[in-house]
PDB file of N, CA and C in Angstrom:
ATOM      1  N   MET A   1      -8.960  16.688 -37.569  1.00  0.00           N
ATOM      2  CA  MET A   1      -8.652  17.958 -38.167  1.00  0.00           C
ATOM      3  C   MET A   1      -9.341  18.980 -37.803  1.00  0.00           C
ATOM      4  N   LYS A   2      -8.721  20.096 -37.325  1.00  0.00           N
ATOM      5  CA  LYS A   2      -9.449  21.206 -36.791  1.00  0.00           C
ATOM      6  C   LYS A   2     -10.045  22.137 -37.889  1.00  0.00           C
ATOM      7  N   LYS A   3     -11.051  22.718 -37.803  1.00  0.00           N
ATOM      8  CA  LYS A   3     -11.658  23.693 -38.770  1.00  0.00           C
ATOM      9  C   LYS A   3     -10.788  25.030 -38.617  1.00  0.00           C
ATOM     10  N   ARG A   4     -10.371  25.523 -39.717  1.00  0.00           N
ATOM     11  CA  ARG A   4      -9.725  26.872 -39.715  1.00  0.00           C
ATOM     12  C   ARG A   4     -10.622  27.889 -40.017  1.00  0.00           C
ATOM     13  N   HIS A   5     -10.206  29.067 -39.925  1.00  0.00           N
ATOM     14  CA  HIS A   5     -11.171  30.140 -40.223  1.00  0.00           C
ATOM     15  C   HIS A   5     -10.354  31.348 -41.183  1.00  0.00           C
ATOM     16  N   GLY A   6     -11.264  32.113 -41.895  1.00  0.00           N
ATOM     17  CA  GLY A   6     -10.538  33.035 -42.722  1.00  0.00           C
ATOM     18  C   GLY A   6      -9.843  32.453 -43.879  1.00  0.00           C
ATOM     19  N   LEU A   7      -8.711  33.074 -44.275  1.00  0.00           N
ATOM     20  CA  LEU A   7      -7.959  32.604 -45.401  1.00  0.00           C
ATOM     21  C   LEU A   7      -7.239  31.311 -45.193  1.00  0.00           C
ATOM     22  N   ALA A   8      -7.021  30.917 -43.963  1.00  0.00           N
ATOM     23  CA  ALA A   8      -6.528  29.615 -43.586  1.00  0.00           C
ATOM     24  C   ALA A   8      -7.176  28.443 -44.061  1.00  0.00           C
ATOM     25  N   ARG A   9      -8.584  28.743 -44.260  1.00  0.00           N
ATOM     26  CA  ARG A   9      -9.403  27.649 -44.749  1.00  0.00           C
ATOM     27  C   ARG A   9      -9.496  27.524 -46.252  1.00  0.00           C
ATOM     28  N   ALA A  10      -8.817  28.572 -47.016  1.00  0.00           N
ATOM     29  CA  ALA A  10      -8.745  28.380 -48.431  1.00  0.00           C
ATOM     30  C   ALA A  10      -7.780  27.406 -48.953  1.00  0.00           C
ATOM     31  N   LEU A  11      -8.140  26.911 -50.133  1.00  0.00           N
ATOM     32  CA  LEU A  11      -7.312  25.761 -50.676  1.00  0.00           C
ATOM     33  C   LEU A  11      -6.756  26.146 -52.041  1.00  0.00           C
ATOM     34  N   PRO A  12      -5.554  25.882 -52.382  1.00  0.00           N
ATOM     35  CA  PRO A  12      -5.035  26.219 -53.677  1.00  0.00           C
ATOM     36  C   PRO A  12      -5.636  25.404 -54.832  1.00  0.00           C
ATOM     37  N   VAL A  13      -5.800  25.983 -55.930  1.00  0.00           N
ATOM     38  CA  VAL A  13      -6.345  25.262 -57.182  1.00  0.00           C
ATOM     39  C   VAL A  13      -5.291  24.249 -57.600  1.00  0.00           C
ATOM     40  N   LEU A  14      -5.673  22.887 -57.693  1.00  0.00           N
ATOM     41  CA  LEU A  14      -4.895  21.913 -58.236  1.00  0.00           C
ATOM     42  C   LEU A  14      -5.434  21.439 -59.566  1.00  0.00           C
ATOM     43  N   THR A  15      -4.520  21.048 -60.452  1.00  0.00           N
ATOM     44  CA  THR A  15      -4.915  20.388 -61.751  1.00  0.00           C
ATOM     45  C   THR A  15      -5.236  18.889 -61.439  1.00  0.00           C
ATOM     46  N   PRO A  16      -6.161  18.304 -62.268  1.00  0.00           N
ATOM     47  CA  PRO A  16      -6.487  16.817 -62.146  1.00  0.00           C
ATOM     48  C   PRO A  16      -5.133  15.862 -62.075  1.00  0.00           C
ATOM     49  N   ALA A  17      -4.131  16.454 -62.812  1.00  0.00           N
ATOM     50  CA  ALA A  17      -2.905  15.574 -62.789  1.00  0.00           C
ATOM     51  C   ALA A  17      -2.203  15.709 -61.367  1.00  0.00           C
ATOM     52  N   GLU A  18      -2.248  17.034 -60.720  1.00  0.00           N
ATOM     53  CA  GLU A  18      -1.838  16.969 -59.435  1.00  0.00           C
ATOM     54  C   GLU A  18      -2.530  16.275 -58.407  1.00  0.00           C
ATOM     55  N   LEU A  19      -3.859  16.219 -58.597  1.00  0.00           N
ATOM     56  CA  LEU A  19      -4.706  15.575 -57.701  1.00  0.00           C
ATOM     57  C   LEU A  19      -4.443  14.029 -57.715  1.00  0.00           C
ATOM     58  N   ASP A  20      -4.226  13.611 -58.869  1.00  0.00           N
ATOM     59  CA  ASP A  20      -4.055  12.234 -59.182  1.00  0.00           C
ATOM     60  C   ASP A  20      -2.840  11.561 -58.655  1.00  0.00           C
ATOM     61  N   ALA A  21      -1.752  12.608 -58.441  1.00  0.00           N
ATOM     62  CA  ALA A  21      -0.479  12.329 -57.792  1.00  0.00           C
ATOM     63  C   ALA A  21      -0.497  12.112 -56.261  1.00  0.00           C
ATOM     64  N   LEU A  22      -1.737  12.645 -55.692  1.00  0.00           N
ATOM     65  CA  LEU A  22      -1.815  12.585 -54.227  1.00  0.00           C
ATOM     66  C   LEU A  22      -2.360  11.300 -53.813  1.00  0.00           C
ATOM     67  N   PRO A  23      -1.936  10.935 -52.496  1.00  0.00           N
ATOM     68  CA  PRO A  23      -2.502   9.723 -51.842  1.00  0.00           C
ATOM     69  C   PRO A  23      -3.916   9.734 -51.540  1.00  0.00           C
ATOM     70  N   THR A  24      -4.690   8.699 -51.399  1.00  0.00           N
ATOM     71  CA  THR A  24      -5.959   8.892 -51.200  1.00  0.00           C
ATOM     72  C   THR A  24      -6.294   9.598 -49.874  1.00  0.00           C
ATOM     73  N   ALA A  25      -5.525   9.448 -48.929  1.00  0.00           N
ATOM     74  CA  ALA A  25      -5.900  10.022 -47.573  1.00  0.00           C
ATOM     75  C   ALA A  25      -5.737  11.704 -47.630  1.00  0.00           C
ATOM     76  N   ALA A  26      -4.792  12.051 -48.568  1.00  0.00           N
ATOM     77  CA  ALA A  26      -4.679  13.459 -48.775  1.00  0.00           C
ATOM     78  C   ALA A  26      -6.020  13.935 -49.582  1.00  0.00           C
ATOM     79  N   LEU A  27      -6.272  13.199 -50.532  1.00  0.00           N
ATOM     80  CA  LEU A  27      -7.594  13.485 -51.235  1.00  0.00           C
ATOM     81  C   LEU A  27      -8.882  13.627 -50.429  1.00  0.00           C
ATOM     82  N   LEU A  28      -8.901  12.666 -49.419  1.00  0.00           N
ATOM     83  CA  LEU A  28     -10.063  12.721 -48.540  1.00  0.00           C
ATOM     84  C   LEU A  28      -9.917  13.926 -47.686  1.00  0.00           C
ATOM     85  N   ALA A  29      -8.812  14.393 -47.199  1.00  0.00           N
ATOM     86  CA  ALA A  29      -8.650  15.441 -46.376  1.00  0.00           C
ATOM     87  C   ALA A  29      -8.917  16.704 -47.214  1.00  0.00           C
ATOM     88  N   ARG A  30      -8.696  16.746 -48.450  1.00  0.00           N
ATOM     89  CA  ARG A  30      -8.967  17.961 -49.223  1.00  0.00           C
ATOM     90  C   ARG A  30     -10.434  18.018 -49.471  1.00  0.00           C
ATOM     91  N   LEU A  31     -11.127  16.694 -49.526  1.00  0.00           N
ATOM     92  CA  LEU A  31     -12.559  16.914 -49.807  1.00  0.00           C
ATOM     93  C   LEU A  31     -13.227  17.567 -48.562  1.00  0.00           C
ATOM     94  N   GLN A  32     -12.772  16.998 -47.370  1.00  0.00           N
ATOM     95  CA  GLN A  32     -13.296  17.584 -46.166  1.00  0.00           C
ATOM     96  C   GLN A  32     -13.102  19.136 -46.102  1.00  0.00           C
ATOM     97  N   ARG A  33     -11.927  19.605 -46.529  1.00  0.00           N
ATOM     98  CA  ARG A  33     -11.674  21.163 -46.345  1.00  0.00           C
ATOM     99  C   ARG A  33     -12.556  21.763 -47.491  1.00  0.00           C
ATOM    100  N   LEU A  34     -12.767  21.027 -48.608  1.00  0.00           N
ATOM    101  CA  LEU A  34     -13.744  21.763 -49.596  1.00  0.00           C
ATOM    102  C   LEU A  34     -15.072  21.821 -49.028  1.00  0.00           C
ATOM    103  N   ARG A  35     -15.522  20.774 -48.334  1.00  0.00           N
ATOM    104  CA  ARG A  35     -16.930  20.914 -47.638  1.00  0.00           C
ATOM    105  C   ARG A  35     -16.885  21.945 -46.708  1.00  0.00           C
ATOM    106  N   TRP A  36     -15.875  22.380 -45.972  1.00  0.00           N
ATOM    107  CA  TRP A  36     -15.806  23.337 -44.936  1.00  0.00           C
ATOM    108  C   TRP A  36     -15.876  24.783 -45.526  1.00  0.00           C
ATOM    109  N   CYS A  37     -15.609  24.998 -46.727  1.00  0.00           N
ATOM    110  CA  CYS A  37     -15.592  26.306 -47.472  1.00  0.00           C
ATOM    111  C   CYS A  37     -16.830  26.973 -47.094  1.00  0.00           C
ATOM    112  N   GLU A  38     -16.720  28.432 -47.124  1.00  0.00           N
ATOM    113  CA  GLU A  38     -18.026  29.129 -46.754  1.00  0.00           C
ATOM    114  C   GLU A  38     -18.877  29.181 -48.007  1.00  0.00           C
ATOM    115  N   GLU A  39     -20.040  29.581 -47.830  1.00  0.00           N
ATOM    116  CA  GLU A  39     -21.123  29.498 -48.992  1.00  0.00           C
ATOM    117  C   GLU A  39     -20.856  30.607 -50.015  1.00  0.00           C
ATOM    118  N   SER A  40     -20.555  31.910 -49.655  1.00  0.00           N
ATOM    119  CA  SER A  40     -20.335  32.913 -50.570  1.00  0.00           C
ATOM    120  C   SER A  40     -19.647  33.975 -49.837  1.00  0.00           C
ATOM    121  N   ALA A  41     -19.049  35.019 -50.607  1.00  0.00           N
ATOM    122  CA  ALA A  41     -18.404  36.097 -50.142  1.00  0.00           C
ATOM    123  C   ALA A  41     -19.311  37.045 -49.389  1.00  0.00           C
ATOM    124  N   ASP A  42     -20.664  36.999 -49.802  1.00  0.00           N
ATOM    125  CA  ASP A  42     -21.702  37.857 -49.211  1.00  0.00           C
ATOM    126  C   ASP A  42     -21.997  37.565 -47.794  1.00  0.00           C
ATOM    127  N   ALA A  43     -21.819  36.132 -47.576  1.00  0.00           N
ATOM    128  CA  ALA A  43     -22.061  35.651 -46.369  1.00  0.00           C
ATOM    129  C   ALA A  43     -20.801  35.510 -45.320  1.00  0.00           C
ATOM    130  N   SER A  44     -19.785  35.938 -45.966  1.00  0.00           N
ATOM    131  CA  SER A  44     -18.500  35.736 -45.217  1.00  0.00           C
ATOM    132  C   SER A  44     -18.126  37.022 -44.316  1.00  0.00           C
ATOM    133  N   ASP A  45     -17.228  36.800 -43.486  1.00  0.00           N
ATOM    134  CA  ASP A  45     -16.868  37.916 -42.542  1.00  0.00           C
ATOM    135  C   ASP A  45     -15.449  38.344 -43.018  1.00  0.00           C
ATOM    136  N   LEU A  46     -14.903  37.884 -44.184  1.00  0.00           N
ATOM    137  CA  LEU A  46     -13.596  38.202 -44.627  1.00  0.00           C
ATOM    138  C   LEU A  46     -13.730  39.652 -45.013  1.00  0.00           C
ATOM    139  N   SER A  47     -12.564  40.401 -44.763  1.00  0.00           N
ATOM    140  CA  SER A  47     -12.505  41.800 -45.078  1.00  0.00           C
ATOM    141  C   SER A  47     -12.196  41.904 -46.674  1.00  0.00           C
ATOM    142  N   GLY A  48     -12.244  43.041 -47.217  1.00  0.00           N
ATOM    143  CA  GLY A  48     -12.038  43.398 -48.712  1.00  0.00           C
ATOM    144  C   GLY A  48     -10.651  43.034 -48.951  1.00  0.00           C
ATOM    145  N   GLU A  49      -9.723  43.299 -48.143  1.00  0.00           N
ATOM    146  CA  GLU A  49      -8.307  42.976 -48.201  1.00  0.00           C
ATOM    147  C   GLU A  49      -8.165  41.422 -48.357  1.00  0.00           C
ATOM    148  N   GLU A  50      -8.541  40.661 -47.403  1.00  0.00           N
ATOM    149  CA  GLU A  50      -8.402  39.289 -47.449  1.00  0.00           C
ATOM    150  C   GLU A  50      -9.034  38.710 -48.757  1.00  0.00           C
ATOM    151  N   LEU A  51     -10.361  39.301 -49.189  1.00  0.00           N
ATOM    152  CA  LEU A  51     -10.808  38.734 -50.344  1.00  0.00           C
ATOM    153  C   LEU A  51      -9.947  38.954 -51.606  1.00  0.00           C
ATOM    154  N   ALA A  52      -9.303  40.184 -51.741  1.00  0.00           N
ATOM    155  CA  ALA A  52      -8.380  40.384 -52.708  1.00  0.00           C
ATOM    156  C   ALA A  52      -7.190  39.453 -52.749  1.00  0.00           C
ATOM    157  N   GLN A  53      -6.747  38.981 -51.555  1.00  0.00           N
ATOM    158  CA  GLN A  53      -5.748  37.991 -51.486  1.00  0.00           C
ATOM    159  C   GLN A  53      -6.111  36.648 -51.879  1.00  0.00           C
ATOM    160  N   ALA A  54      -7.402  36.320 -51.779  1.00  0.00           N
ATOM    161  CA  ALA A  54      -7.977  35.086 -52.185  1.00  0.00           C
ATOM    162  C   ALA A  54      -8.251  34.818 -53.604  1.00  0.00           C
ATOM    163  N   LEU A  55      -7.959  35.749 -54.559  1.00  0.00           N
ATOM    164  CA  LEU A  55      -8.320  35.572 -56.000  1.00  0.00           C
ATOM    165  C   LEU A  55      -7.876  34.265 -56.500  1.00  0.00           C
ATOM    166  N   HIS A  56      -6.765  33.674 -56.202  1.00  0.00           N
ATOM    167  CA  HIS A  56      -6.291  32.432 -56.813  1.00  0.00           C
ATOM    168  C   HIS A  56      -6.487  31.261 -56.034  1.00  0.00           C
ATOM    169  N   LEU A  57      -7.313  31.351 -55.078  1.00  0.00           N
ATOM    170  CA  LEU A  57      -7.684  30.128 -54.062  1.00  0.00           C
ATOM    171  C   LEU A  57      -9.152  29.801 -54.053  1.00  0.00           C
ATOM    172  N   VAL A  58      -9.396  28.623 -53.640  1.00  0.00           N
ATOM    173  CA  VAL A  58     -10.695  28.123 -53.545  1.00  0.00           C
ATOM    174  C   VAL A  58     -11.151  28.594 -52.054  1.00  0.00           C
ATOM    175  N   VAL A  59     -12.167  29.491 -52.030  1.00  0.00           N
ATOM    176  CA  VAL A  59     -12.651  29.781 -50.732  1.00  0.00           C
ATOM    177  C   VAL A  59     -14.185  29.669 -50.395  1.00  0.00           C
ATOM    178  N   PHE A  60     -14.937  29.975 -51.636  1.00  0.00           N
ATOM    179  CA  PHE A  60     -16.388  29.898 -51.370  1.00  0.00           C
ATOM    180  C   PHE A  60     -16.941  28.823 -52.491  1.00  0.00           C
ATOM    181  N   LYS A  61     -18.115  28.314 -51.734  1.00  0.00           N
ATOM    182  CA  LYS A  61     -18.808  27.231 -52.574  1.00  0.00           C
ATOM    183  C   LYS A  61     -19.552  27.956 -53.778  1.00  0.00           C
ATOM    184  N   SER A  62     -19.796  29.104 -53.868  1.00  0.00           N
ATOM    185  CA  SER A  62     -20.484  29.706 -54.783  1.00  0.00           C
ATOM    186  C   SER A  62     -19.591  30.073 -56.049  1.00  0.00           C
ATOM    187  N   ASP A  63     -18.141  30.020 -55.726  1.00  0.00           N
ATOM    188  CA  ASP A  63     -17.201  30.100 -56.871  1.00  0.00           C
ATOM    189  C   ASP A  63     -17.274  28.978 -57.818  1.00  0.00           C
ATOM    190  N   PRO A  64     -17.106  29.242 -59.122  1.00  0.00           N
ATOM    191  CA  PRO A  64     -17.069  28.241 -60.136  1.00  0.00           C
ATOM    192  C   PRO A  64     -15.739  27.295 -59.874  1.00  0.00           C
ATOM    193  N   ALA A  65     -14.696  27.930 -59.339  1.00  0.00           N
ATOM    194  CA  ALA A  65     -13.524  27.186 -58.973  1.00  0.00           C
ATOM    195  C   ALA A  65     -13.811  26.191 -58.008  1.00  0.00           C
ATOM    196  N   TRP A  66     -14.568  26.532 -56.940  1.00  0.00           N
ATOM    197  CA  TRP A  66     -14.953  25.464 -56.013  1.00  0.00           C
ATOM    198  C   TRP A  66     -15.760  24.194 -56.624  1.00  0.00           C
ATOM    199  N   ARG A  67     -16.583  24.584 -57.612  1.00  0.00           N
ATOM    200  CA  ARG A  67     -17.367  23.490 -58.230  1.00  0.00           C
ATOM    201  C   ARG A  67     -16.496  22.645 -59.049  1.00  0.00           C
ATOM    202  N   ALA A  68     -15.500  23.241 -59.762  1.00  0.00           N
ATOM    203  CA  ALA A  68     -14.651  22.561 -60.608  1.00  0.00           C
ATOM    204  C   ALA A  68     -13.625  21.698 -59.711  1.00  0.00           C
ATOM    205  N   ALA A  69     -13.141  22.215 -58.550  1.00  0.00           N
ATOM    206  CA  ALA A  69     -12.231  21.626 -57.727  1.00  0.00           C
ATOM    207  C   ALA A  69     -13.009  20.320 -57.117  1.00  0.00           C
ATOM    208  N   TYR A  70     -14.172  20.511 -56.720  1.00  0.00           N
ATOM    209  CA  TYR A  70     -15.071  19.401 -56.214  1.00  0.00           C
ATOM    210  C   TYR A  70     -15.249  18.385 -57.166  1.00  0.00           C
ATOM    211  N   ALA A  71     -15.660  18.836 -58.372  1.00  0.00           N
ATOM    212  CA  ALA A  71     -15.924  17.642 -59.470  1.00  0.00           C
ATOM    213  C   ALA A  71     -14.570  16.884 -59.728  1.00  0.00           C
ATOM    214  N   ASP A  72     -13.541  17.641 -59.954  1.00  0.00           N
ATOM    215  CA  ASP A  72     -12.321  16.913 -60.269  1.00  0.00           C
ATOM    216  C   ASP A  72     -11.859  15.985 -59.138  1.00  0.00           C
ATOM    217  N   LEU A  73     -11.983  16.379 -57.827  1.00  0.00           N
ATOM    218  CA  LEU A  73     -11.741  15.568 -56.700  1.00  0.00           C
ATOM    219  C   LEU A  73     -12.517  14.396 -56.680  1.00  0.00           C
ATOM    220  N   LYS A  74     -13.743  14.447 -56.831  1.00  0.00           N
ATOM    221  CA  LYS A  74     -14.794  13.283 -56.781  1.00  0.00           C
ATOM    222  C   LYS A  74     -14.502  12.386 -57.964  1.00  0.00           C
ATOM    223  N   GLN A  75     -14.140  12.809 -59.110  1.00  0.00           N
ATOM    224  CA  GLN A  75     -13.860  12.038 -60.237  1.00  0.00           C
ATOM    225  C   GLN A  75     -12.597  11.076 -59.912  1.00  0.00           C
ATOM    226  N   ILE A  76     -11.608  11.765 -59.386  1.00  0.00           N
ATOM    227  CA  ILE A  76     -10.313  10.986 -59.130  1.00  0.00           C
ATOM    228  C   ILE A  76     -10.675   9.878 -58.011  1.00  0.00           C
ATOM    229  N   LEU A  77     -11.468  10.458 -56.943  1.00  0.00           N
ATOM    230  CA  LEU A  77     -11.676   9.447 -55.923  1.00  0.00           C
ATOM    231  C   LEU A  77     -12.623   8.297 -56.289  1.00  0.00           C
ATOM    232  N   ALA A  78     -13.470   8.570 -57.277  1.00  0.00           N
ATOM    233  CA  ALA A  78     -14.310   7.487 -57.853  1.00  0.00           C
ATOM    234  C   ALA A  78     -13.431   6.332 -58.644  1.00  0.00           C
ATOM    235  N   GLU A  79     -12.251   6.732 -59.185  1.00  0.00           N
ATOM    236  CA  GLU A  79     -11.387   5.886 -59.828  1.00  0.00           C
ATOM    237  C   GLU A  79     -10.530   5.036 -58.927  1.00  0.00           C
ATOM    238  N   ARG A  80     -10.380   5.473 -57.646  1.00  0.00           N
ATOM    239  CA  ARG A  80      -9.501   4.848 -56.788  1.00  0.00           C
ATOM    240  C   ARG A  80     -10.290   3.584 -56.102  1.00  0.00           C
ATOM    241  N   GLU A  81      -9.268   2.689 -55.614  1.00  0.00           N
ATOM    242  CA  GLU A  81      -9.829   1.472 -54.989  1.00  0.00           C
ATOM    243  C   GLU A  81     -10.276   1.720 -53.635  1.00  0.00           C
ATOM    244  N   HIS A  82     -11.499   1.123 -53.354  1.00  0.00           N
ATOM    245  CA  HIS A  82     -12.272   1.252 -52.073  1.00  0.00           C
ATOM    246  C   HIS A  82     -11.754   0.342 -51.166  1.00  0.00           C
ATOM    247  N   VAL A  83     -11.293   0.925 -49.965  1.00  0.00           N
ATOM    248  CA  VAL A  83     -10.689   0.024 -48.859  1.00  0.00           C
ATOM    249  C   VAL A  83     -11.688   0.329 -47.707  1.00  0.00           C
ATOM    250  N   PRO A  84     -12.376  -0.808 -47.332  1.00  0.00           N
ATOM    251  CA  PRO A  84     -13.303  -0.604 -46.126  1.00  0.00           C
ATOM    252  C   PRO A  84     -12.528  -0.244 -44.743  1.00  0.00           C
ATOM    253  N   ASN A  85     -13.253   0.324 -44.060  1.00  0.00           N
ATOM    254  CA  ASN A  85     -12.733   0.728 -42.642  1.00  0.00           C
ATOM    255  C   ASN A  85     -12.492  -0.689 -41.897  1.00  0.00           C
ATOM    256  N   LYS A  86     -11.834  -0.502 -40.859  1.00  0.00           N
ATOM    257  CA  LYS A  86     -11.483  -1.774 -40.003  1.00  0.00           C
ATOM    258  C   LYS A  86     -12.780  -2.039 -39.175  1.00  0.00           C
ATOM    259  N   PRO A  87     -13.042  -3.382 -38.945  1.00  0.00           N
ATOM    260  CA  PRO A  87     -14.204  -3.717 -38.406  1.00  0.00           C
ATOM    261  C   PRO A  87     -14.317  -3.207 -36.882  1.00  0.00           C
TER     262      PRO A  87
END
C-alpha cells in the first residue's frame, strides 16, 4: 500500500459496529493508515481550506477522534482469531 498525502490520507470515522463488520484484512489496512496519520495540524502542510474540509475525518494523531478510532480498532482486532503467517 502506498502512502498518500494531504486529505487522501484522511480516514472516515467508523462506529465499532461498522468496524466489527469489516474483514480482518480491512481492519489491518485501516490500522496501517491510522499509523500514517500526521502528528498534529501545527506540524502539517495542509492549507486552512483543507483543514476545514477534514472536520469529520481522522487526520491527525493529536485529535481525540484518532485516539478513539485507534482504541476501537485495537479492541476489535484483539477479539479476532489470530492466524499465523505462512512459514
